[in-house]
Every structure is written in C-alpha cells, then in structure tokens.
Amino acid sequence: MENFKKKEIREGEATAEAFYEIKKKMDNAVEDDTPYVIHDKVPKVVGDPHKTTVKKENYTVRFCLPRDKYDKPENARETKLYYVIDKEYHDIGIEPRNNFRIMGAIIDLIPFYNKLYEDGQMKEFSELEIFSIFAREKKEAHLAVYNIVATFLDIDDETGRYMEPMSVFRVLGEIIEAHPEIINESELFSESSTSGLAATEQQ
C-alpha cells in the first residue's frame, strides 16, 4: 500500500478530540493480554495463551466520491459536490501476508503520540501536546490514520483518497479494539528499531 500524497487528502471534519480518542484506544490496547510477537533475534510470543482465537470483523467505511469524476453508485446519497456511499468490508482480520505492512503503517502513527528517544524509550505526549501536534500537523496526522485503515482493508490509493475522515477515525478505533495485539507488537518493534539504530550509529 503506497502512502497517500498530501494533496490527495481532502480537508475533513476529523477533530483533535477524535485524534486523541485514538490515543486512548491505543493505551487500552497496551493493557490487553492478547498474545503478540516480540520481534527479537529469537522471536517469542507473550500474552494469554487462551486468547488465540482468530478474529474476523466487519467494517463500514464511508466514501465521498466527487460528482465530477464518478457516476452515481447504487444506493449513494447526493450532496452538492459528492456521492456519499457506505461500503461494507466483511470478515476482515490480520493475515501473515499483511501483518508487517499494517505494523509499518501503525509505526508511522506512533510519533504523533509519543516522543521516541535514541535508546528506544518512549515518553507519551500530554493531551495538550497531542492537540497542539494535531493542529500543527493535521494533514500528516490524517495521512497516518488513513494509511492504517487503507492497508488493513486493502483499499487502493485511488479509492482511499475519498474516505470520509471521521469514518476513517471510527474504523481505526474499531480495528484497535478488535486487534490490540498489533498495537503492542508495533510499539515494541518501533522501540527496538529505534534503539538498534542508535546502537549502530554509535559503533
């Protein structure tokens, strides 16, 4: 999944509060004991071994398709500029083939919520700092959220650019709640990658 170009993300209605809600869902995921992989020299699995059920969920994404570029889809609602349609994605889960792609997209979101140090440690930004970051880097924050959802649902770039912002934020929250393990796996991988890079540079 290629990252969306900045110009492809429309100004939306997603708010700093919605962005902060994602942070709270990620914090809840860290407390979850669903098994996940620690990617070390010898990978190991940690967590509750009884919580290994393969999870498949349904997700609904709202798209706003420009009327000057698209014919009206079936069941779409019309506004002055867009055809608005809700598309359902059924039985979606994390597969081995897309696990690292999803992790990569999540890792791109982590710096909006945490300061990463060279030794691999992370310090959480305060709520006020996160609001400030969102105000200053709104497009980049949107891009990070969009890319996780698009990667998870395998939505192509052309279609993905027309996802409605608040719909995307809602779906990301649902993904995190369904798959807390991918958050834990991504955060630890991010920490180890940062510390590993620092160690290499010091040699």
Foldseek 3Di string as FASTA:
>chain_A
DDFADLVLADDADDALVLLVVLVVLLVVLVVAFQWAWADDPDIDIGGDPVNPDFDFAKAKFKFWAFPVPDDADPPFDDDPGTTIDIDMDGRFGDDPVLLVVLLVLVLLQVVLAWDADLQLDTDGDDSVSSNVSCVVPVSSNLSSLLSNQCSRRVPDNVRSSGTHSVSSSVVSSVRCVRCSRSSVNSSSVSSVVSNVVSVVVVD
